[in-house]
Amino acid sequence: MTINEIQDEIIEEFDGLDDWMDRYQMLIDLGNDQEPLDEKYKIEQNLIDGCQSRVWLQADYVKEQDADGQEQNVIRFTAESDALIVKGIVALLIRVLSGHTPQEILDADLYFIERIGLKEHLSPTRSNGLLAMVKQMRMYALAFNK
């Protein structure tokens, strides 16, 4: 699936929820469904600067086969946060960006954030944290883009 196809899927899922309490609950559920980050990755260098809560982000550059059986190098993200809603937000970002090439990540327009109303319904500090998470994921993509 392309990044845009995944974003469209997420938009569709959130469109079915009119009430923001339901949307927050969905984010919490997404965060709770996420695999916990291995303790060895909960280190200072994996903490994202600019987040009010603590968010650890691990990026691994791995060789995988695409749908056509061609090998390509992709980034696999794993993360965890000590805040429930933030954990859900990072789970969405991982769903959208993980498993894609560095160039695809760098070229991605993350329009789902605005389309599901996330930006306008987050506190300013959470909004800054969201931007910091996206920035860090793009920095990894830039570093791996050889």
N, C-alpha and C. Protein backbone atom coordinates (compact mmCIF):
# COMPACT_ATOMS: atom_id res chain seq x y z
N MET A 1 0.82 -1.19 0.00
CA MET A 1 0.00 0.00 0.00
C MET A 1 0.86 1.25 0.00
N THR A 2 0.45 2.25 -0.74
CA THR A 2 1.20 3.50 -0.75
C THR A 2 0.87 4.31 0.50
N ILE A 3 1.69 5.31 0.75
CA ILE A 3 1.46 6.19 1.90
C ILE A 3 0.09 6.86 1.77
N ASN A 4 -0.25 7.32 0.58
CA ASN A 4 -1.54 8.00 0.39
C ASN A 4 -2.72 7.04 0.56
N GLU A 5 -2.58 5.81 0.11
CA GLU A 5 -3.65 4.82 0.30
C GLU A 5 -3.89 4.57 1.79
N ILE A 6 -2.81 4.49 2.56
CA ILE A 6 -2.94 4.28 4.01
C ILE A 6 -3.60 5.50 4.65
N GLN A 7 -3.19 6.70 4.23
CA GLN A 7 -3.79 7.92 4.77
C GLN A 7 -5.29 7.96 4.47
N ASP A 8 -5.67 7.60 3.25
CA ASP A 8 -7.09 7.61 2.86
C ASP A 8 -7.89 6.62 3.70
N GLU A 9 -7.27 5.48 4.01
CA GLU A 9 -7.90 4.47 4.86
C GLU A 9 -8.16 5.03 6.27
N ILE A 10 -7.17 5.72 6.80
CA ILE A 10 -7.30 6.32 8.14
C ILE A 10 -8.38 7.39 8.14
N ILE A 11 -8.40 8.23 7.11
CA ILE A 11 -9.42 9.28 7.00
C ILE A 11 -10.81 8.66 7.00
N GLU A 12 -10.96 7.58 6.25
CA GLU A 12 -12.24 6.89 6.18
C GLU A 12 -12.66 6.34 7.55
N GLU A 13 -11.71 5.76 8.27
CA GLU A 13 -12.00 5.22 9.60
C GLU A 13 -12.46 6.32 10.56
N PHE A 14 -11.80 7.47 10.50
CA PHE A 14 -12.15 8.58 11.40
C PHE A 14 -13.43 9.28 10.96
N ASP A 15 -13.73 9.26 9.66
CA ASP A 15 -14.96 9.90 9.16
C ASP A 15 -16.20 9.28 9.78
N GLY A 16 -16.13 8.02 10.15
CA GLY A 16 -17.27 7.35 10.75
C GLY A 16 -17.55 7.79 12.18
N LEU A 17 -16.64 8.57 12.75
CA LEU A 17 -16.78 9.03 14.14
C LEU A 17 -17.03 10.54 14.16
N ASP A 18 -18.23 10.93 14.57
CA ASP A 18 -18.58 12.35 14.58
C ASP A 18 -18.09 13.06 15.83
N ASP A 19 -18.14 12.36 16.93
CA ASP A 19 -17.84 12.94 18.22
C ASP A 19 -16.34 12.86 18.51
N TRP A 20 -15.76 13.96 19.01
CA TRP A 20 -14.32 13.93 19.27
C TRP A 20 -13.94 13.03 20.43
N MET A 21 -14.86 12.77 21.34
CA MET A 21 -14.55 11.83 22.42
C MET A 21 -14.35 10.43 21.83
N ASP A 22 -15.14 10.09 20.81
CA ASP A 22 -14.97 8.80 20.12
C ASP A 22 -13.63 8.74 19.39
N ARG A 23 -13.25 9.86 18.80
CA ARG A 23 -11.97 9.91 18.08
C ARG A 23 -10.79 9.78 19.05
N TYR A 24 -10.90 10.45 20.20
CA TYR A 24 -9.85 10.30 21.21
C TYR A 24 -9.77 8.85 21.70
N GLN A 25 -10.95 8.23 21.88
CA GLN A 25 -10.98 6.84 22.31
C GLN A 25 -10.32 5.94 21.27
N MET A 26 -10.57 6.24 19.98
CA MET A 26 -9.94 5.46 18.91
C MET A 26 -8.42 5.60 18.96
N LEU A 27 -7.94 6.82 19.21
CA LEU A 27 -6.49 7.03 19.34
C LEU A 27 -5.92 6.24 20.51
N ILE A 28 -6.63 6.26 21.63
CA ILE A 28 -6.18 5.51 22.81
C ILE A 28 -6.14 4.01 22.49
N ASP A 29 -7.18 3.52 21.82
CA ASP A 29 -7.22 2.10 21.44
C ASP A 29 -6.06 1.74 20.50
N LEU A 30 -5.79 2.62 19.53
CA LEU A 30 -4.68 2.38 18.60
C LEU A 30 -3.36 2.29 19.36
N GLY A 31 -3.18 3.19 20.32
CA GLY A 31 -1.96 3.19 21.14
C GLY A 31 -1.84 1.93 21.97
N ASN A 32 -2.97 1.48 22.53
CA ASN A 32 -2.96 0.27 23.35
C ASN A 32 -2.72 -0.99 22.53
N ASP A 33 -3.12 -0.95 21.25
CA ASP A 33 -2.94 -2.12 20.38
C ASP A 33 -1.51 -2.24 19.86
N GLN A 34 -0.76 -1.16 19.98
CA GLN A 34 0.61 -1.15 19.46
C GLN A 34 1.52 -2.02 20.31
N GLU A 35 2.44 -2.71 19.63
CA GLU A 35 3.43 -3.53 20.35
C GLU A 35 4.29 -2.62 21.21
N PRO A 36 4.56 -3.02 22.46
CA PRO A 36 5.42 -2.17 23.29
C PRO A 36 6.84 -2.13 22.72
N LEU A 37 7.49 -1.01 22.91
CA LEU A 37 8.86 -0.84 22.44
C LEU A 37 9.79 -1.64 23.33
N ASP A 38 10.72 -2.34 22.73
CA ASP A 38 11.72 -3.10 23.48
C ASP A 38 12.45 -2.14 24.42
N GLU A 39 12.64 -2.57 25.65
CA GLU A 39 13.28 -1.74 26.68
C GLU A 39 14.65 -1.21 26.24
N LYS A 40 15.36 -1.98 25.42
CA LYS A 40 16.71 -1.55 25.01
C LYS A 40 16.68 -0.29 24.14
N TYR A 41 15.48 0.04 23.57
CA TYR A 41 15.35 1.24 22.74
C TYR A 41 14.85 2.45 23.52
N LYS A 42 14.50 2.23 24.79
CA LYS A 42 14.03 3.36 25.62
C LYS A 42 15.25 4.05 26.22
N ILE A 43 15.98 4.70 25.33
CA ILE A 43 17.21 5.38 25.73
C ILE A 43 17.10 6.87 25.37
N GLU A 44 17.96 7.63 25.97
CA GLU A 44 17.95 9.09 25.80
C GLU A 44 18.01 9.51 24.32
N GLN A 45 18.85 8.85 23.53
CA GLN A 45 19.00 9.28 22.13
C GLN A 45 17.76 8.99 21.28
N ASN A 46 16.86 8.14 21.75
CA ASN A 46 15.62 7.86 21.02
C ASN A 46 14.45 8.73 21.48
N LEU A 47 14.65 9.53 22.51
CA LEU A 47 13.60 10.45 22.97
C LEU A 47 13.46 11.59 21.97
N ILE A 48 12.21 11.94 21.67
CA ILE A 48 11.96 13.02 20.72
C ILE A 48 11.91 14.35 21.46
N ASP A 49 12.74 15.28 21.02
CA ASP A 49 12.73 16.63 21.59
C ASP A 49 11.48 17.36 21.12
N GLY A 50 10.89 18.14 21.99
CA GLY A 50 9.73 18.94 21.59
C GLY A 50 8.40 18.33 21.98
N CYS A 51 8.44 17.15 22.57
CA CYS A 51 7.20 16.51 23.03
C CYS A 51 7.04 16.76 24.52
N GLN A 52 5.82 17.09 24.92
CA GLN A 52 5.52 17.32 26.33
C GLN A 52 5.65 16.00 27.10
N SER A 53 5.12 14.93 26.51
CA SER A 53 5.26 13.61 27.13
C SER A 53 6.51 12.95 26.55
N ARG A 54 6.87 11.84 27.14
CA ARG A 54 8.07 11.15 26.64
C ARG A 54 7.68 10.22 25.50
N VAL A 55 8.39 10.38 24.38
CA VAL A 55 8.17 9.54 23.20
C VAL A 55 9.53 9.03 22.73
N TRP A 56 9.62 7.71 22.65
CA TRP A 56 10.84 7.08 22.13
C TRP A 56 10.53 6.58 20.74
N LEU A 57 11.43 6.87 19.80
CA LEU A 57 11.25 6.44 18.42
C LEU A 57 12.50 5.71 17.95
N GLN A 58 12.31 4.49 17.49
CA GLN A 58 13.40 3.67 16.96
C GLN A 58 13.16 3.49 15.47
N ALA A 59 14.20 3.67 14.67
CA ALA A 59 14.10 3.47 13.23
C ALA A 59 15.15 2.46 12.81
N ASP A 60 14.71 1.45 12.07
CA ASP A 60 15.63 0.44 11.54
C ASP A 60 15.53 0.42 10.03
N TYR A 61 16.69 0.42 9.38
CA TYR A 61 16.76 0.40 7.92
C TYR A 61 16.94 -1.05 7.51
N VAL A 62 15.93 -1.63 6.90
CA VAL A 62 15.95 -3.06 6.59
C VAL A 62 15.64 -3.33 5.13
N LYS A 63 16.11 -4.48 4.67
CA LYS A 63 15.85 -4.91 3.30
C LYS A 63 14.62 -5.81 3.32
N GLU A 64 13.62 -5.45 2.50
CA GLU A 64 12.38 -6.23 2.42
C GLU A 64 11.97 -6.38 0.97
N GLN A 65 11.10 -7.34 0.73
CA GLN A 65 10.57 -7.51 -0.62
C GLN A 65 9.28 -6.71 -0.77
N ASP A 66 9.15 -6.02 -1.92
CA ASP A 66 7.90 -5.29 -2.16
C ASP A 66 6.87 -6.25 -2.75
N ALA A 67 5.73 -5.73 -3.14
CA ALA A 67 4.62 -6.55 -3.65
C ALA A 67 5.01 -7.31 -4.92
N ASP A 68 5.97 -6.76 -5.67
CA ASP A 68 6.43 -7.41 -6.91
C ASP A 68 7.59 -8.38 -6.68
N GLY A 69 7.97 -8.57 -5.43
CA GLY A 69 9.06 -9.48 -5.12
C GLY A 69 10.44 -8.85 -5.25
N GLN A 70 10.48 -7.55 -5.50
CA GLN A 70 11.76 -6.84 -5.62
C GLN A 70 12.24 -6.45 -4.23
N GLU A 71 13.55 -6.60 -4.01
CA GLU A 71 14.10 -6.18 -2.72
C GLU A 71 14.30 -4.68 -2.71
N GLN A 72 13.95 -4.07 -1.60
CA GLN A 72 14.20 -2.65 -1.43
C GLN A 72 14.48 -2.37 0.04
N ASN A 73 15.19 -1.29 0.28
CA ASN A 73 15.48 -0.89 1.66
C ASN A 73 14.38 0.03 2.15
N VAL A 74 13.81 -0.32 3.29
CA VAL A 74 12.73 0.48 3.88
C VAL A 74 13.06 0.78 5.34
N ILE A 75 12.35 1.75 5.88
CA ILE A 75 12.52 2.09 7.29
C ILE A 75 11.35 1.49 8.06
N ARG A 76 11.68 0.78 9.13
CA ARG A 76 10.67 0.23 10.05
C ARG A 76 10.76 1.03 11.34
N PHE A 77 9.68 1.70 11.67
CA PHE A 77 9.62 2.49 12.89
C PHE A 77 8.93 1.72 14.00
N THR A 78 9.43 1.86 15.20
CA THR A 78 8.74 1.39 16.40
C THR A 78 8.84 2.55 17.40
N ALA A 79 7.84 2.65 18.25
CA ALA A 79 7.84 3.78 19.19
C ALA A 79 6.96 3.46 20.38
N GLU A 80 7.10 4.30 21.37
CA GLU A 80 6.25 4.20 22.55
C GLU A 80 6.21 5.56 23.24
N SER A 81 5.11 5.81 23.93
CA SER A 81 4.97 7.04 24.69
C SER A 81 4.36 6.71 26.04
N ASP A 82 4.60 7.60 26.99
CA ASP A 82 4.01 7.40 28.31
C ASP A 82 2.64 8.09 28.42
N ALA A 83 2.15 8.68 27.33
CA ALA A 83 0.84 9.32 27.31
C ALA A 83 -0.07 8.58 26.33
N LEU A 84 -1.29 8.28 26.76
CA LEU A 84 -2.20 7.45 25.96
C LEU A 84 -2.53 8.01 24.58
N ILE A 85 -2.93 9.28 24.51
CA ILE A 85 -3.30 9.85 23.22
C ILE A 85 -2.09 9.97 22.31
N VAL A 86 -0.96 10.36 22.88
CA VAL A 86 0.28 10.48 22.10
C VAL A 86 0.69 9.11 21.55
N LYS A 87 0.49 8.09 22.34
CA LYS A 87 0.78 6.72 21.90
C LYS A 87 -0.06 6.38 20.65
N GLY A 88 -1.31 6.82 20.64
CA GLY A 88 -2.19 6.61 19.49
C GLY A 88 -1.75 7.40 18.28
N ILE A 89 -1.32 8.63 18.51
CA ILE A 89 -0.85 9.48 17.41
C ILE A 89 0.39 8.86 16.77
N VAL A 90 1.32 8.42 17.60
CA VAL A 90 2.54 7.81 17.07
C VAL A 90 2.21 6.49 16.36
N ALA A 91 1.19 5.77 16.83
CA ALA A 91 0.76 4.54 16.16
C ALA A 91 0.25 4.85 14.75
N LEU A 92 -0.48 5.96 14.60
CA LEU A 92 -0.95 6.38 13.28
C LEU A 92 0.22 6.73 12.37
N LEU A 93 1.18 7.49 12.89
CA LEU A 93 2.34 7.87 12.08
C LEU A 93 3.12 6.64 11.63
N ILE A 94 3.27 5.67 12.54
CA ILE A 94 3.97 4.44 12.19
C ILE A 94 3.21 3.69 11.10
N ARG A 95 1.89 3.62 11.26
CA ARG A 95 1.06 2.93 10.26
C ARG A 95 1.24 3.55 8.87
N VAL A 96 1.34 4.88 8.83
CA VAL A 96 1.47 5.59 7.55
C VAL A 96 2.87 5.48 6.96
N LEU A 97 3.90 5.65 7.78
CA LEU A 97 5.26 5.80 7.26
C LEU A 97 6.14 4.55 7.33
N SER A 98 5.91 3.68 8.29
CA SER A 98 6.77 2.51 8.45
C SER A 98 6.63 1.56 7.26
N GLY A 99 7.76 1.01 6.82
CA GLY A 99 7.74 0.06 5.71
C GLY A 99 7.87 0.71 4.35
N HIS A 100 8.21 2.01 4.36
CA HIS A 100 8.40 2.72 3.09
C HIS A 100 9.85 3.14 2.94
N THR A 101 10.23 3.46 1.72
CA THR A 101 11.61 3.86 1.45
C THR A 101 11.83 5.27 2.01
N PRO A 102 13.10 5.60 2.26
CA PRO A 102 13.38 6.96 2.74
C PRO A 102 12.82 8.04 1.80
N GLN A 103 12.96 7.83 0.49
CA GLN A 103 12.48 8.83 -0.46
C GLN A 103 10.96 8.98 -0.41
N GLU A 104 10.25 7.86 -0.27
CA GLU A 104 8.79 7.93 -0.16
C GLU A 104 8.38 8.73 1.08
N ILE A 105 9.10 8.53 2.17
CA ILE A 105 8.80 9.25 3.42
C ILE A 105 9.09 10.74 3.25
N LEU A 106 10.22 11.05 2.62
CA LEU A 106 10.58 12.45 2.41
C LEU A 106 9.60 13.16 1.47
N ASP A 107 9.07 12.43 0.50
CA ASP A 107 8.14 13.02 -0.48
C ASP A 107 6.70 13.07 0.02
N ALA A 108 6.41 12.40 1.12
CA ALA A 108 5.02 12.26 1.59
C ALA A 108 4.44 13.59 2.07
N ASP A 109 3.21 13.83 1.65
CA ASP A 109 2.42 14.95 2.16
C ASP A 109 1.46 14.32 3.17
N LEU A 110 1.68 14.56 4.44
CA LEU A 110 0.88 13.92 5.48
C LEU A 110 -0.44 14.68 5.70
N TYR A 111 -1.31 14.60 4.70
CA TYR A 111 -2.57 15.34 4.73
C TYR A 111 -3.60 14.74 5.69
N PHE A 112 -3.41 13.50 6.11
CA PHE A 112 -4.40 12.88 6.99
C PHE A 112 -4.50 13.60 8.34
N ILE A 113 -3.41 14.22 8.78
CA ILE A 113 -3.38 14.90 10.08
C ILE A 113 -4.44 16.00 10.13
N GLU A 114 -4.52 16.80 9.06
CA GLU A 114 -5.54 17.85 9.02
C GLU A 114 -6.91 17.29 8.69
N ARG A 115 -6.96 16.32 7.78
CA ARG A 115 -8.25 15.80 7.31
C ARG A 115 -9.05 15.10 8.40
N ILE A 116 -8.37 14.50 9.38
CA ILE A 116 -9.12 13.85 10.47
C ILE A 116 -9.35 14.82 11.63
N GLY A 117 -8.87 16.06 11.47
CA GLY A 117 -9.10 17.09 12.48
C GLY A 117 -8.14 17.04 13.65
N LEU A 118 -7.08 16.28 13.49
CA LEU A 118 -6.14 16.09 14.59
C LEU A 118 -5.48 17.40 15.01
N LYS A 119 -5.02 18.14 14.01
CA LYS A 119 -4.30 19.38 14.29
C LYS A 119 -5.13 20.36 15.11
N GLU A 120 -6.39 20.53 14.74
CA GLU A 120 -7.23 21.52 15.42
C GLU A 120 -7.75 21.05 16.78
N HIS A 121 -7.70 19.74 17.05
CA HIS A 121 -8.23 19.23 18.32
C HIS A 121 -7.14 18.85 19.33
N LEU A 122 -5.91 19.18 19.01
CA LEU A 122 -4.82 18.93 19.96
C LEU A 122 -4.43 20.23 20.65
N SER A 123 -3.99 20.11 21.86
CA SER A 123 -3.48 21.29 22.56
C SER A 123 -2.23 21.76 21.82
N PRO A 124 -1.86 23.03 21.99
CA PRO A 124 -0.65 23.53 21.31
C PRO A 124 0.60 22.69 21.61
N THR A 125 0.73 22.23 22.85
CA THR A 125 1.92 21.44 23.18
C THR A 125 1.88 20.08 22.49
N ARG A 126 0.69 19.46 22.41
CA ARG A 126 0.57 18.17 21.71
C ARG A 126 0.80 18.36 20.21
N SER A 127 0.31 19.48 19.68
CA SER A 127 0.51 19.80 18.27
C SER A 127 2.00 19.93 17.96
N ASN A 128 2.72 20.62 18.86
CA ASN A 128 4.18 20.74 18.69
C ASN A 128 4.84 19.38 18.76
N GLY A 129 4.36 18.53 19.65
CA GLY A 129 4.89 17.18 19.78
C GLY A 129 4.67 16.36 18.52
N LEU A 130 3.48 16.50 17.93
CA LEU A 130 3.16 15.81 16.68
C LEU A 130 4.13 16.24 15.58
N LEU A 131 4.35 17.55 15.47
CA LEU A 131 5.29 18.07 14.47
C LEU A 131 6.70 17.56 14.74
N ALA A 132 7.08 17.46 16.01
CA ALA A 132 8.41 16.96 16.38
C ALA A 132 8.56 15.48 15.98
N MET A 133 7.48 14.69 16.14
CA MET A 133 7.53 13.27 15.75
C MET A 133 7.70 13.14 14.24
N VAL A 134 6.92 13.92 13.49
CA VAL A 134 7.02 13.88 12.03
C VAL A 134 8.42 14.30 11.59
N LYS A 135 8.92 15.38 12.20
CA LYS A 135 10.25 15.89 11.87
C LYS A 135 11.32 14.82 12.12
N GLN A 136 11.23 14.12 13.26
CA GLN A 136 12.21 13.10 13.59
C GLN A 136 12.15 11.93 12.60
N MET A 137 10.95 11.54 12.20
CA MET A 137 10.81 10.45 11.23
C MET A 137 11.41 10.86 9.89
N ARG A 138 11.20 12.11 9.51
CA ARG A 138 11.79 12.62 8.25
C ARG A 138 13.32 12.71 8.36
N MET A 139 13.82 13.04 9.55
CA MET A 139 15.28 13.10 9.75
C MET A 139 15.91 11.73 9.58
N TYR A 140 15.24 10.70 10.10
CA TYR A 140 15.73 9.34 9.88
C TYR A 140 15.72 9.01 8.40
N ALA A 141 14.65 9.39 7.71
CA ALA A 141 14.55 9.12 6.27
C ALA A 141 15.69 9.83 5.52
N LEU A 142 15.98 11.05 5.92
CA LEU A 142 17.06 11.81 5.30
C LEU A 142 18.40 11.13 5.55
N ALA A 143 18.60 10.65 6.76
CA ALA A 143 19.86 9.99 7.12
C ALA A 143 20.03 8.67 6.35
N PHE A 144 18.94 7.94 6.15
CA PHE A 144 19.02 6.65 5.46
C PHE A 144 18.97 6.78 3.93
N ASN A 145 18.64 7.95 3.43
CA ASN A 145 18.47 8.16 1.99
C ASN A 145 19.84 8.35 1.34
N LYS A 146 20.39 7.23 0.89
CA LYS A 146 21.75 7.28 0.32
C LYS A 146 21.70 7.24 -1.18
